[in-house]
Full PDB file with SEQRES, HELIX, SHEET, SSBOND, CRYST1, ORIGX, SCALE, CONECT and MASTER records, all heavy atoms in Angstrom:
SEQRES   1 A   45  ILE ASP GLU ILE ALA LYS LEU ASN ASP ALA ALA PHE GLY          
SEQRES   2 A   45  GLN SER GLY GLU GLY LYS ILE VAL ARG LYS LEU LYS ARG          
SEQRES   3 A   45  ASP GLY ASP SER LEU LEU SER LEU ILE ALA HIS ASP ASP          
SEQRES   4 A   45  SER ARG ILE VAL GLY HIS                                      
HELIX    1 AA1 ASP A    2  PHE A   12  1                                  11    
HELIX    2 AA2 GLY A   16  ASP A   27  1                                  12    
SHEET    1 AA1 2 ALA A  36  HIS A  37  0                                        
SHEET    2 AA1 2 ILE A  42  GLY A  44 -1                                        
CRYST1    1.000    1.000    1.000  90.00  90.00  90.00 P 1           1          
ORIGX1      1.000000  0.000000  0.000000        0.00000                         
ORIGX2      0.000000  1.000000  0.000000        0.00000                         
ORIGX3      0.000000  0.000000  1.000000        0.00000                         
SCALE1      1.000000  0.000000  0.000000        0.00000                         
SCALE2      0.000000  1.000000  0.000000        0.00000                         
SCALE3      0.000000  0.000000  1.000000        0.00000                         
ATOM      1  N   ILE A   1      68.849  26.139 140.755  1.00  0.00           N  
ATOM      2  CA  ILE A   1      67.873  25.134 140.349  1.00  0.00           C  
ATOM      3  C   ILE A   1      66.920  25.627 139.252  1.00  0.00           C  
ATOM      4  O   ILE A   1      66.627  24.883 138.319  1.00  0.00           O  
ATOM      5  CB  ILE A   1      67.101  24.538 141.554  1.00  0.00           C  
ATOM      6  CG1 ILE A   1      66.280  23.305 141.118  1.00  0.00           C  
ATOM      7  CG2 ILE A   1      66.238  25.576 142.229  1.00  0.00           C  
ATOM      8  CD1 ILE A   1      67.106  22.141 140.635  1.00  0.00           C  
ATOM      9  N   ASP A   2      66.453  26.863 139.319  1.00  0.00           N  
ATOM     10  CA  ASP A   2      65.539  27.354 138.284  1.00  0.00           C  
ATOM     11  C   ASP A   2      66.229  27.414 136.923  1.00  0.00           C  
ATOM     12  O   ASP A   2      65.667  26.984 135.907  1.00  0.00           O  
ATOM     13  CB  ASP A   2      64.969  28.728 138.649  1.00  0.00           C  
ATOM     14  CG  ASP A   2      63.979  28.659 139.799  1.00  0.00           C  
ATOM     15  OD1 ASP A   2      63.398  27.575 140.039  1.00  0.00           O  
ATOM     16  OD2 ASP A   2      63.780  29.696 140.468  1.00  0.00           O  
ATOM     17  N   GLU A   3      67.454  27.933 136.897  1.00  0.00           N  
ATOM     18  CA  GLU A   3      68.195  28.028 135.639  1.00  0.00           C  
ATOM     19  C   GLU A   3      68.544  26.631 135.113  1.00  0.00           C  
ATOM     20  O   GLU A   3      68.481  26.379 133.907  1.00  0.00           O  
ATOM     21  CB  GLU A   3      69.461  28.870 135.831  1.00  0.00           C  
ATOM     22  CG  GLU A   3      70.094  29.299 134.528  1.00  0.00           C  
ATOM     23  CD  GLU A   3      71.248  30.271 134.704  1.00  0.00           C  
ATOM     24  OE1 GLU A   3      71.483  30.776 135.826  1.00  0.00           O  
ATOM     25  OE2 GLU A   3      71.936  30.513 133.696  1.00  0.00           O  
ATOM     26  N   ILE A   4      68.877  25.702 136.020  1.00  0.00           N  
ATOM     27  CA  ILE A   4      69.182  24.322 135.627  1.00  0.00           C  
ATOM     28  C   ILE A   4      67.950  23.664 135.012  1.00  0.00           C  
ATOM     29  O   ILE A   4      68.038  23.007 133.967  1.00  0.00           O  
ATOM     30  CB  ILE A   4      69.694  23.514 136.836  1.00  0.00           C  
ATOM     31  CG1 ILE A   4      71.113  23.955 137.205  1.00  0.00           C  
ATOM     32  CG2 ILE A   4      69.654  22.012 136.547  1.00  0.00           C  
ATOM     33  CD1 ILE A   4      71.608  23.396 138.532  1.00  0.00           C  
ATOM     34  N   ALA A   5      66.788  23.826 135.642  1.00  0.00           N  
ATOM     35  CA  ALA A   5      65.555  23.225 135.119  1.00  0.00           C  
ATOM     36  C   ALA A   5      65.227  23.795 133.739  1.00  0.00           C  
ATOM     37  O   ALA A   5      64.872  23.045 132.816  1.00  0.00           O  
ATOM     38  CB  ALA A   5      64.401  23.447 136.088  1.00  0.00           C  
ATOM     39  N   LYS A   6      65.363  25.109 133.566  1.00  0.00           N  
ATOM     40  CA  LYS A   6      65.100  25.730 132.262  1.00  0.00           C  
ATOM     41  C   LYS A   6      66.071  25.227 131.204  1.00  0.00           C  
ATOM     42  O   LYS A   6      65.678  24.984 130.058  1.00  0.00           O  
ATOM     43  CB  LYS A   6      65.188  27.254 132.377  1.00  0.00           C  
ATOM     44  CG  LYS A   6      64.021  27.876 133.114  1.00  0.00           C  
ATOM     45  CD  LYS A   6      64.205  29.378 133.258  1.00  0.00           C  
ATOM     46  CE  LYS A   6      63.154  29.949 134.199  1.00  0.00           C  
ATOM     47  NZ  LYS A   6      63.443  31.346 134.563  1.00  0.00           N  
ATOM     48  N   LEU A   7      67.338  25.068 131.572  1.00  0.00           N  
ATOM     49  CA  LEU A   7      68.344  24.562 130.647  1.00  0.00           C  
ATOM     50  C   LEU A   7      67.983  23.151 130.196  1.00  0.00           C  
ATOM     51  O   LEU A   7      68.031  22.837 129.006  1.00  0.00           O  
ATOM     52  CB  LEU A   7      69.728  24.569 131.303  1.00  0.00           C  
ATOM     53  CG  LEU A   7      70.813  23.897 130.476  1.00  0.00           C  
ATOM     54  CD1 LEU A   7      71.958  24.855 130.226  1.00  0.00           C  
ATOM     55  CD2 LEU A   7      71.310  22.652 131.165  1.00  0.00           C  
ATOM     56  N   ASN A   8      67.606  22.287 131.136  1.00  0.00           N  
ATOM     57  CA  ASN A   8      67.217  20.917 130.793  1.00  0.00           C  
ATOM     58  C   ASN A   8      65.997  20.907 129.883  1.00  0.00           C  
ATOM     59  O   ASN A   8      65.946  20.155 128.904  1.00  0.00           O  
ATOM     60  CB  ASN A   8      66.973  20.091 132.057  1.00  0.00           C  
ATOM     61  CG  ASN A   8      68.253  19.511 132.614  1.00  0.00           C  
ATOM     62  OD1 ASN A   8      68.718  18.477 132.145  1.00  0.00           O  
ATOM     63  ND2 ASN A   8      68.837  20.170 133.596  1.00  0.00           N  
ATOM     64  N   ASP A   9      65.005  21.730 130.191  1.00  0.00           N  
ATOM     65  CA  ASP A   9      63.805  21.801 129.348  1.00  0.00           C  
ATOM     66  C   ASP A   9      64.169  22.246 127.932  1.00  0.00           C  
ATOM     67  O   ASP A   9      63.671  21.686 126.953  1.00  0.00           O  
ATOM     68  CB  ASP A   9      62.781  22.770 129.951  1.00  0.00           C  
ATOM     69  CG  ASP A   9      62.187  22.263 131.260  1.00  0.00           C  
ATOM     70  OD1 ASP A   9      62.373  21.067 131.587  1.00  0.00           O  
ATOM     71  OD2 ASP A   9      61.534  23.066 131.959  1.00  0.00           O  
ATOM     72  N   ALA A  10      65.051  23.246 127.810  1.00  0.00           N  
ATOM     73  CA  ALA A  10      65.467  23.735 126.495  1.00  0.00           C  
ATOM     74  C   ALA A  10      66.273  22.672 125.745  1.00  0.00           C  
ATOM     75  O   ALA A  10      66.056  22.447 124.551  1.00  0.00           O  
ATOM     76  CB  ALA A  10      66.292  25.016 126.637  1.00  0.00           C  
ATOM     77  N   ALA A  11      67.176  22.002 126.439  1.00  0.00           N  
ATOM     78  CA  ALA A  11      68.039  21.008 125.800  1.00  0.00           C  
ATOM     79  C   ALA A  11      67.242  19.812 125.287  1.00  0.00           C  
ATOM     80  O   ALA A  11      67.549  19.265 124.233  1.00  0.00           O  
ATOM     81  CB  ALA A  11      69.118  20.542 126.773  1.00  0.00           C  
ATOM     82  N   PHE A  12      66.226  19.402 126.040  1.00  0.00           N  
ATOM     83  CA  PHE A  12      65.456  18.219 125.665  1.00  0.00           C  
ATOM     84  C   PHE A  12      64.154  18.560 124.928  1.00  0.00           C  
ATOM     85  O   PHE A  12      63.451  17.664 124.477  1.00  0.00           O  
ATOM     86  CB  PHE A  12      65.155  17.362 126.896  1.00  0.00           C  
ATOM     87  CG  PHE A  12      66.365  16.643 127.415  1.00  0.00           C  
ATOM     88  CD1 PHE A  12      67.124  17.191 128.437  1.00  0.00           C  
ATOM     89  CD2 PHE A  12      66.766  15.435 126.865  1.00  0.00           C  
ATOM     90  CE1 PHE A  12      68.258  16.537 128.913  1.00  0.00           C  
ATOM     91  CE2 PHE A  12      67.888  14.772 127.330  1.00  0.00           C  
ATOM     92  CZ  PHE A  12      68.636  15.329 128.359  1.00  0.00           C  
ATOM     93  N   GLY A  13      63.808  19.856 124.847  1.00  0.00           N  
ATOM     94  CA  GLY A  13      62.610  20.269 124.139  1.00  0.00           C  
ATOM     95  C   GLY A  13      61.313  19.864 124.811  1.00  0.00           C  
ATOM     96  O   GLY A  13      60.283  19.753 124.161  1.00  0.00           O  
ATOM     97  N   GLN A  14      61.371  19.657 126.116  1.00  0.00           N  
ATOM     98  CA  GLN A  14      60.190  19.274 126.907  1.00  0.00           C  
ATOM     99  C   GLN A  14      60.494  19.518 128.380  1.00  0.00           C  
ATOM    100  O   GLN A  14      61.629  19.787 128.744  1.00  0.00           O  
ATOM    101  CB  GLN A  14      59.845  17.804 126.667  1.00  0.00           C  
ATOM    102  CG  GLN A  14      61.022  16.889 126.948  1.00  0.00           C  
ATOM    103  CD  GLN A  14      60.603  15.512 127.393  1.00  0.00           C  
ATOM    104  OE1 GLN A  14      59.506  15.326 127.861  1.00  0.00           O  
ATOM    105  NE2 GLN A  14      61.515  14.564 127.284  1.00  0.00           N  
ATOM    106  N   SER A  15      59.494  19.382 129.245  1.00  0.00           N  
ATOM    107  CA  SER A  15      59.679  19.703 130.660  1.00  0.00           C  
ATOM    108  C   SER A  15      60.014  18.502 131.538  1.00  0.00           C  
ATOM    109  O   SER A  15      60.218  18.651 132.729  1.00  0.00           O  
ATOM    110  CB  SER A  15      58.424  20.394 131.206  1.00  0.00           C  
ATOM    111  OG  SER A  15      57.319  19.499 131.149  1.00  0.00           O  
ATOM    112  N   GLY A  16      60.113  17.297 130.967  1.00  0.00           N  
ATOM    113  CA  GLY A  16      60.347  16.097 131.770  1.00  0.00           C  
ATOM    114  C   GLY A  16      61.634  16.117 132.569  1.00  0.00           C  
ATOM    115  O   GLY A  16      61.633  15.843 133.775  1.00  0.00           O  
ATOM    116  N   GLU A  17      62.746  16.451 131.927  1.00  0.00           N  
ATOM    117  CA  GLU A  17      64.034  16.439 132.611  1.00  0.00           C  
ATOM    118  C   GLU A  17      64.127  17.541 133.659  1.00  0.00           C  
ATOM    119  O   GLU A  17      64.699  17.341 134.726  1.00  0.00           O  
ATOM    120  CB  GLU A  17      65.188  16.520 131.616  1.00  0.00           C  
ATOM    121  CG  GLU A  17      65.510  15.199 130.941  1.00  0.00           C  
ATOM    122  CD  GLU A  17      64.482  14.755 129.914  1.00  0.00           C  
ATOM    123  OE1 GLU A  17      63.620  15.576 129.507  1.00  0.00           O  
ATOM    124  OE2 GLU A  17      64.533  13.585 129.506  1.00  0.00           O  
ATOM    125  N   GLY A  18      63.570  18.712 133.365  1.00  0.00           N  
ATOM    126  CA  GLY A  18      63.547  19.790 134.361  1.00  0.00           C  
ATOM    127  C   GLY A  18      62.790  19.368 135.611  1.00  0.00           C  
ATOM    128  O   GLY A  18      63.196  19.663 136.734  1.00  0.00           O  
ATOM    129  N   LYS A  19      61.684  18.658 135.427  1.00  0.00           N  
ATOM    130  CA  LYS A  19      60.903  18.167 136.569  1.00  0.00           C  
ATOM    131  C   LYS A  19      61.683  17.126 137.366  1.00  0.00           C  
ATOM    132  O   LYS A  19      61.646  17.121 138.603  1.00  0.00           O  
ATOM    133  CB  LYS A  19      59.570  17.574 136.092  1.00  0.00           C  
ATOM    134  CG  LYS A  19      58.595  18.620 135.609  1.00  0.00           C  
ATOM    135  CD  LYS A  19      57.317  17.978 135.079  1.00  0.00           C  
ATOM    136  CE  LYS A  19      56.385  19.040 134.533  1.00  0.00           C  
ATOM    137  NZ  LYS A  19      55.200  18.445 133.880  1.00  0.00           N  
ATOM    138  N   ILE A  20      62.400  16.239 136.666  1.00  0.00           N  
ATOM    139  CA  ILE A  20      63.210  15.231 137.348  1.00  0.00           C  
ATOM    140  C   ILE A  20      64.271  15.894 138.218  1.00  0.00           C  
ATOM    141  O   ILE A  20      64.454  15.537 139.384  1.00  0.00           O  
ATOM    142  CB  ILE A  20      63.864  14.273 136.319  1.00  0.00           C  
ATOM    143  CG1 ILE A  20      62.807  13.343 135.721  1.00  0.00           C  
ATOM    144  CG2 ILE A  20      64.995  13.465 136.953  1.00  0.00           C  
ATOM    145  CD1 ILE A  20      63.286  12.529 134.531  1.00  0.00           C  
ATOM    146  N   VAL A  21      64.982  16.872 137.655  1.00  0.00           N  
ATOM    147  CA  VAL A  21      66.045  17.560 138.397  1.00  0.00           C  
ATOM    148  C   VAL A  21      65.473  18.249 139.639  1.00  0.00           C  
ATOM    149  O   VAL A  21      66.046  18.165 140.729  1.00  0.00           O  
ATOM    150  CB  VAL A  21      66.777  18.567 137.478  1.00  0.00           C  
ATOM    151  CG1 VAL A  21      67.694  19.466 138.263  1.00  0.00           C  
ATOM    152  CG2 VAL A  21      67.548  17.822 136.405  1.00  0.00           C  
ATOM    153  N   ARG A  22      64.348  18.938 139.479  1.00  0.00           N  
ATOM    154  CA  ARG A  22      63.711  19.612 140.631  1.00  0.00           C  
ATOM    155  C   ARG A  22      63.309  18.600 141.703  1.00  0.00           C  
ATOM    156  O   ARG A  22      63.524  18.825 142.888  1.00  0.00           O  
ATOM    157  CB  ARG A  22      62.480  20.388 140.188  1.00  0.00           C  
ATOM    158  CG  ARG A  22      62.771  21.676 139.460  1.00  0.00           C  
ATOM    159  CD  ARG A  22      61.450  22.402 139.156  1.00  0.00           C  
ATOM    160  NE  ARG A  22      61.646  23.555 138.335  1.00  0.00           N  
ATOM    161  CZ  ARG A  22      62.063  24.743 138.778  1.00  0.00           C  
ATOM    162  NH1 ARG A  22      62.350  24.913 140.036  1.00  0.00           N  
ATOM    163  NH2 ARG A  22      62.194  25.751 137.941  1.00  0.00           N  
ATOM    164  N   LYS A  23      62.722  17.467 141.295  1.00  0.00           N  
ATOM    165  CA  LYS A  23      62.263  16.473 142.266  1.00  0.00           C  
ATOM    166  C   LYS A  23      63.446  15.796 142.961  1.00  0.00           C  
ATOM    167  O   LYS A  23      63.402  15.562 144.173  1.00  0.00           O  
ATOM    168  CB  LYS A  23      61.351  15.439 141.594  1.00  0.00           C  
ATOM    169  CG  LYS A  23      60.726  14.483 142.592  1.00  0.00           C  
ATOM    170  CD  LYS A  23      59.453  13.868 142.067  1.00  0.00           C  
ATOM    171  CE  LYS A  23      58.839  12.871 143.021  1.00  0.00           C  
ATOM    172  NZ  LYS A  23      58.596  13.349 144.373  1.00  0.00           N  
ATOM    173  N   LEU A  24      64.511  15.484 142.231  1.00  0.00           N  
ATOM    174  CA  LEU A  24      65.704  14.907 142.860  1.00  0.00           C  
ATOM    175  C   LEU A  24      66.245  15.842 143.939  1.00  0.00           C  
ATOM    176  O   LEU A  24      66.586  15.412 145.041  1.00  0.00           O  
ATOM    177  CB  LEU A  24      66.787  14.618 141.823  1.00  0.00           C  
ATOM    178  CG  LEU A  24      66.549  13.430 140.896  1.00  0.00           C  
ATOM    179  CD1 LEU A  24      67.549  13.440 139.751  1.00  0.00           C  
ATOM    180  CD2 LEU A  24      66.627  12.112 141.663  1.00  0.00           C  
ATOM    181  N   LYS A  25      66.307  17.131 143.622  1.00  0.00           N  
ATOM    182  CA  LYS A  25      66.800  18.132 144.576  1.00  0.00           C  
ATOM    183  C   LYS A  25      65.850  18.237 145.778  1.00  0.00           C  
ATOM    184  O   LYS A  25      66.283  18.185 146.929  1.00  0.00           O  
ATOM    185  CB  LYS A  25      66.940  19.480 143.865  1.00  0.00           C  
ATOM    186  CG  LYS A  25      67.334  20.620 144.755  1.00  0.00           C  
ATOM    187  CD  LYS A  25      68.802  20.581 145.033  1.00  0.00           C  
ATOM    188  CE  LYS A  25      69.221  21.829 145.776  1.00  0.00           C  
ATOM    189  NZ  LYS A  25      70.333  21.562 146.674  1.00  0.00           N  
ATOM    190  N   ARG A  26      64.553  18.368 145.494  1.00  0.00           N  
ATOM    191  CA  ARG A  26      63.552  18.547 146.554  1.00  0.00           C  
ATOM    192  C   ARG A  26      63.505  17.338 147.493  1.00  0.00           C  
ATOM    193  O   ARG A  26      63.388  17.482 148.697  1.00  0.00           O  
ATOM    194  CB  ARG A  26      62.181  18.786 145.924  1.00  0.00           C  
ATOM    195  CG  ARG A  26      61.073  19.092 146.929  1.00  0.00           C  
ATOM    196  CD  ARG A  26      59.747  19.456 146.271  1.00  0.00           C  
ATOM    197  NE  ARG A  26      59.256  18.436 145.353  1.00  0.00           N  
ATOM    198  CZ  ARG A  26      59.170  18.584 144.029  1.00  0.00           C  
ATOM    199  NH1 ARG A  26      59.532  19.711 143.458  1.00  0.00           N  
ATOM    200  NH2 ARG A  26      58.710  17.601 143.274  1.00  0.00           N  
ATOM    201  N   ASP A  27      63.642  16.124 146.927  1.00  0.00           N  
ATOM    202  CA  ASP A  27      63.548  14.911 147.729  1.00  0.00           C  
ATOM    203  C   ASP A  27      64.857  14.529 148.422  1.00  0.00           C  
ATOM    204  O   ASP A  27      64.907  13.547 149.156  1.00  0.00           O  
ATOM    205  CB  ASP A  27      63.097  13.735 146.850  1.00  0.00           C  
ATOM    206  CG  ASP A  27      61.681  13.885 146.325  1.00  0.00           C  
ATOM    207  OD1 ASP A  27      60.949  14.800 146.780  1.00  0.00           O  
ATOM    208  OD2 ASP A  27      61.305  13.086 145.442  1.00  0.00           O  
ATOM    209  N   GLY A  28      65.923  15.281 148.152  1.00  0.00           N  
ATOM    210  CA  GLY A  28      67.219  14.958 148.756  1.00  0.00           C  
ATOM    211  C   GLY A  28      67.912  13.775 148.085  1.00  0.00           C  
ATOM    212  O   GLY A  28      68.801  13.165 148.677  1.00  0.00           O  
ATOM    213  N   ASP A  29      67.513  13.450 146.853  1.00  0.00           N  
ATOM    214  CA  ASP A  29      68.080  12.302 146.148  1.00  0.00           C  
ATOM    215  C   ASP A  29      69.231  12.668 145.215  1.00  0.00           C  
ATOM    216  O   ASP A  29      69.820  11.786 144.584  1.00  0.00           O  
ATOM    217  CB  ASP A  29      66.988  11.575 145.353  1.00  0.00           C  
ATOM    218  CG  ASP A  29      65.989  10.871 146.258  1.00  0.00           C  
ATOM    219  OD1 ASP A  29      66.412  10.362 147.319  1.00  0.00           O  
ATOM    220  OD2 ASP A  29      64.791  10.845 145.920  1.00  0.00           O  
ATOM    221  N   SER A  30      69.548  13.950 145.094  1.00  0.00           N  
ATOM    222  CA  SER A  30      70.670  14.367 144.260  1.00  0.00           C  
ATOM    223  C   SER A  30      71.966  14.057 144.999  1.00  0.00           C  
ATOM    224  O   SER A  30      72.161  14.485 146.135  1.00  0.00           O  
ATOM    225  CB  SER A  30      70.575  15.866 143.969  1.00  0.00           C  
ATOM    226  OG  SER A  30      71.724  16.301 143.281  1.00  0.00           O  
ATOM    227  N   LEU A  31      72.834  13.303 144.356  1.00  0.00           N  
ATOM    228  CA  LEU A  31      74.115  12.943 144.964  1.00  0.00           C  
ATOM    229  C   LEU A  31      75.208  13.932 144.554  1.00  0.00           C  
ATOM    230  O   LEU A  31      76.020  14.351 145.365  1.00  0.00           O  
ATOM    231  CB  LEU A  31      74.484  11.522 144.528  1.00  0.00           C  
ATOM    232  CG  LEU A  31      75.684  10.873 145.172  1.00  0.00           C  
ATOM    233  CD1 LEU A  31      75.473  10.727 146.673  1.00  0.00           C  
ATOM    234  CD2 LEU A  31      75.928   9.512 144.545  1.00  0.00           C  
ATOM    235  N   LEU A  32      75.207  14.312 143.281  1.00  0.00           N  
ATOM    236  CA  LEU A  32      76.180  15.268 142.753  1.00  0.00           C  
ATOM    237  C   LEU A  32      75.540  15.971 141.571  1.00  0.00           C  
ATOM    238  O   LEU A  32      75.043  15.327 140.653  1.00  0.00           O  
ATOM    239  CB  LEU A  32      77.460  14.545 142.296  1.00  0.00           C  
ATOM    240  CG  LEU A  32      78.535  15.400 141.633  1.00  0.00           C  
ATOM    241  CD1 LEU A  32      79.097  16.442 142.600  1.00  0.00           C  
ATOM    242  CD2 LEU A  32      79.652  14.510 141.092  1.00  0.00           C  
ATOM    243  N   SER A  33      75.539  17.298 141.602  1.00  0.00           N  
ATOM    244  CA  SER A  33      74.985  18.106 140.532  1.00  0.00           C  
ATOM    245  C   SER A  33      76.059  19.117 140.133  1.00  0.00           C  
ATOM    246  O   SER A  33      76.527  19.887 140.971  1.00  0.00           O  
ATOM    247  CB  SER A  33      73.716  18.814 141.030  1.00  0.00           C  
ATOM    248  OG  SER A  33      73.078  19.518 139.992  1.00  0.00           O  
ATOM    249  N   LEU A  34      76.464  19.080 138.871  1.00  0.00           N  
ATOM    250  CA  LEU A  34      77.509  19.974 138.372  1.00  0.00           C  
ATOM    251  C   LEU A  34      76.952  20.829 137.245  1.00  0.00           C  
ATOM    252  O   LEU A  34      76.098  20.383 136.478  1.00  0.00           O  
ATOM    253  CB  LEU A  34      78.687  19.170 137.818  1.00  0.00           C  
ATOM    254  CG  LEU A  34      79.409  18.234 138.773  1.00  0.00           C  
ATOM    255  CD1 LEU A  34      80.425  17.387 138.011  1.00  0.00           C  
ATOM    256  CD2 LEU A  34      80.090  19.014 139.881  1.00  0.00           C  
ATOM    257  N   ILE A  35      77.462  22.054 137.142  1.00  0.00           N  
ATOM    258  CA  ILE A  35      77.091  22.925 136.030  1.00  0.00           C  
ATOM    259  C   ILE A  35      78.346  23.363 135.276  1.00  0.00           C  
ATOM    260  O   ILE A  35      79.432  23.435 135.837  1.00  0.00           O  
ATOM    261  CB  ILE A  35      76.267  24.147 136.489  1.00  0.00           C  
ATOM    262  CG1 ILE A  35      77.034  25.031 137.484  1.00  0.00           C  
ATOM    263  CG2 ILE A  35      74.950  23.732 137.101  1.00  0.00           C  
ATOM    264  CD1 ILE A  35      77.540  26.295 136.887  1.00  0.00           C  
ATOM    265  N   ALA A  36      78.151  23.631 133.996  1.00  0.00           N  
ATOM    266  CA  ALA A  36      79.177  24.270 133.177  1.00  0.00           C  
ATOM    267  C   ALA A  36      78.724  25.715 132.994  1.00  0.00           C  
ATOM    268  O   ALA A  36      77.547  25.978 132.725  1.00  0.00           O  
ATOM    269  CB  ALA A  36      79.312  23.570 131.830  1.00  0.00           C  
ATOM    270  N   HIS A  37      79.647  26.650 133.154  1.00  0.00           N  
ATOM    271  CA  HIS A  37      79.326  28.084 133.131  1.00  0.00           C  
ATOM    272  C   HIS A  37      80.286  28.780 132.172  1.00  0.00           C  
ATOM    273  O   HIS A  37      81.443  28.388 132.061  1.00  0.00           O  
ATOM    274  CB  HIS A  37      79.497  28.647 134.549  1.00  0.00           C  
ATOM    275  CG  HIS A  37      78.694  29.870 134.816  1.00  0.00           C  
ATOM    276  ND1 HIS A  37      79.040  31.105 134.337  1.00  0.00           N  
ATOM    277  CD2 HIS A  37      77.559  30.048 135.521  1.00  0.00           C  
ATOM    278  CE1 HIS A  37      78.147  31.994 134.737  1.00  0.00           C  
ATOM    279  NE2 HIS A  37      77.240  31.377 135.458  1.00  0.00           N  
ATOM    280  N   ASP A  38      79.824  29.809 131.481  1.00  0.00           N  
ATOM    281  CA  ASP A  38      80.696  30.527 130.544  1.00  0.00           C  
ATOM    282  C   ASP A  38      80.947  31.973 130.970  1.00  0.00           C  
ATOM    283  O   ASP A  38      81.216  32.837 130.149  1.00  0.00           O  
ATOM    284  CB  ASP A  38      80.128  30.484 129.119  1.00  0.00           C  
ATOM    285  CG  ASP A  38      78.873  31.324 128.946  1.00  0.00           C  
ATOM    286  OD1 ASP A  38      78.402  31.949 129.924  1.00  0.00           O  
ATOM    287  OD2 ASP A  38      78.364  31.371 127.813  1.00  0.00           O  
ATOM    288  N   ASP A  39      80.875  32.237 132.263  1.00  0.00           N  
ATOM    289  CA  ASP A  39      81.065  33.558 132.867  1.00  0.00           C  
ATOM    290  C   ASP A  39      79.849  34.461 132.737  1.00  0.00           C  
ATOM    291  O   ASP A  39      79.816  35.536 133.330  1.00  0.00           O  
ATOM    292  CB  ASP A  39      82.309  34.288 132.338  1.00  0.00           C  
ATOM    293  CG  ASP A  39      83.604  33.622 132.776  1.00  0.00           C  
ATOM    294  OD1 ASP A  39      83.613  32.990 133.855  1.00  0.00           O  
ATOM    295  OD2 ASP A  39      84.597  33.737 132.045  1.00  0.00           O  
ATOM    296  N   SER A  40      78.852  34.059 131.946  1.00  0.00           N  
ATOM    297  CA  SER A  40      77.643  34.876 131.867  1.00  0.00           C  
ATOM    298  C   SER A  40      76.391  34.076 132.221  1.00  0.00           C  
ATOM    299  O   SER A  40      75.403  34.638 132.662  1.00  0.00           O  
ATOM    300  CB  SER A  40      77.496  35.507 130.481  1.00  0.00           C  
ATOM    301  OG  SER A  40      77.297  34.510 129.496  1.00  0.00           O  
ATOM    302  N   ARG A  41      76.439  32.747 132.008  1.00  0.00           N  
ATOM    303  CA  ARG A  41      75.262  31.924 132.299  1.00  0.00           C  
ATOM    304  C   ARG A  41      75.661  30.456 132.375  1.00  0.00           C  
ATOM    305  O   ARG A  41      76.744  30.058 131.931  1.00  0.00           O  
ATOM    306  CB  ARG A  41      74.201  32.118 131.228  1.00  0.00           C  
ATOM    307  CG  ARG A  41      74.671  31.657 129.862  1.00  0.00           C  
ATOM    308  CD  ARG A  41      73.698  31.987 128.789  1.00  0.00           C  
ATOM    309  NE  ARG A  41      74.318  31.684 127.503  1.00  0.00           N  
ATOM    310  CZ  ARG A  41      73.661  31.479 126.403  1.00  0.00           C  
ATOM    311  NH1 ARG A  41      72.354  31.561 126.401  1.00  0.00           N  
ATOM    312  NH2 ARG A  41      74.291  31.206 125.283  1.00  0.00           N  
ATOM    313  N   ILE A  42      74.741  29.650 132.886  1.00  0.00           N  
ATOM    314  CA  ILE A  42      74.914  28.208 132.908  1.00  0.00           C  
ATOM    315  C   ILE A  42      74.656  27.681 131.500  1.00  0.00           C  
ATOM    316  O   ILE A  42      73.624  27.981 130.902  1.00  0.00           O  
ATOM    317  CB  ILE A  42      73.958  27.558 133.934  1.00  0.00           C  
ATOM    318  CG1 ILE A  42      74.311  28.019 135.354  1.00  0.00           C  
ATOM    319  CG2 ILE A  42      74.004  26.041 133.832  1.00  0.00           C  
ATOM    320  CD1 ILE A  42      73.326  27.570 136.419  1.00  0.00           C  
ATOM    321  N   VAL A  43      75.607  26.918 130.969  1.00  0.00           N  
ATOM    322  CA  VAL A  43      75.482  26.391 129.614  1.00  0.00           C  
ATOM    323  C   VAL A  43      75.372  24.868 129.582  1.00  0.00           C  
ATOM    324  O   VAL A  43      75.115  24.282 128.524  1.00  0.00           O  
ATOM    325  CB  VAL A  43      76.640  26.867 128.710  1.00  0.00           C  
ATOM    326  CG1 VAL A  43      76.600  28.386 128.547  1.00  0.00           C  
ATOM    327  CG2 VAL A  43      77.985  26.405 129.245  1.00  0.00           C  
ATOM    328  N   GLY A  44      75.569  24.222 130.730  1.00  0.00           N  
ATOM    329  CA  GLY A  44      75.467  22.775 130.789  1.00  0.00           C  
ATOM    330  C   GLY A  44      75.221  22.309 132.213  1.00  0.00           C  
ATOM    331  O   GLY A  44      75.492  23.030 133.175  1.00  0.00           O  
ATOM    332  N   HIS A  45      74.691  21.093 132.329  1.00  0.00           N  
ATOM    333  CA  HIS A  45      74.368  20.529 133.648  1.00  0.00           C  
ATOM    334  C   HIS A  45      74.429  19.010 133.584  1.00  0.00           C  
ATOM    335  O   HIS A  45      74.113  18.406 132.560  1.00  0.00           O  
ATOM    336  CB  HIS A  45      72.965  20.970 134.082  1.00  0.00           C  
ATOM    337  CG  HIS A  45      72.494  20.263 135.308  1.00  0.00           C  
ATOM    338  ND1 HIS A  45      71.561  19.244 135.265  1.00  0.00           N  
ATOM    339  CD2 HIS A  45      72.849  20.404 136.605  1.00  0.00           C  
ATOM    340  CE1 HIS A  45      71.358  18.813 136.501  1.00  0.00           C  
ATOM    341  NE2 HIS A  45      72.128  19.486 137.324  1.00  0.00           N  
TER     342      HIS A  45                                                      
MASTER        0    0    0    2    2    0    0    6  341    1    0    4          
END                                                                             
């Protein structure tokens, strides 16, 4: 979750999407969360 939130913030250039992802997870509202990985780090979500 921390790496996903940072990735979203970097991709969108603001903290809004990272906050949404954290709140969806915290509230139990996430239905499906997928990541793309390149063997060294998460590169997509």
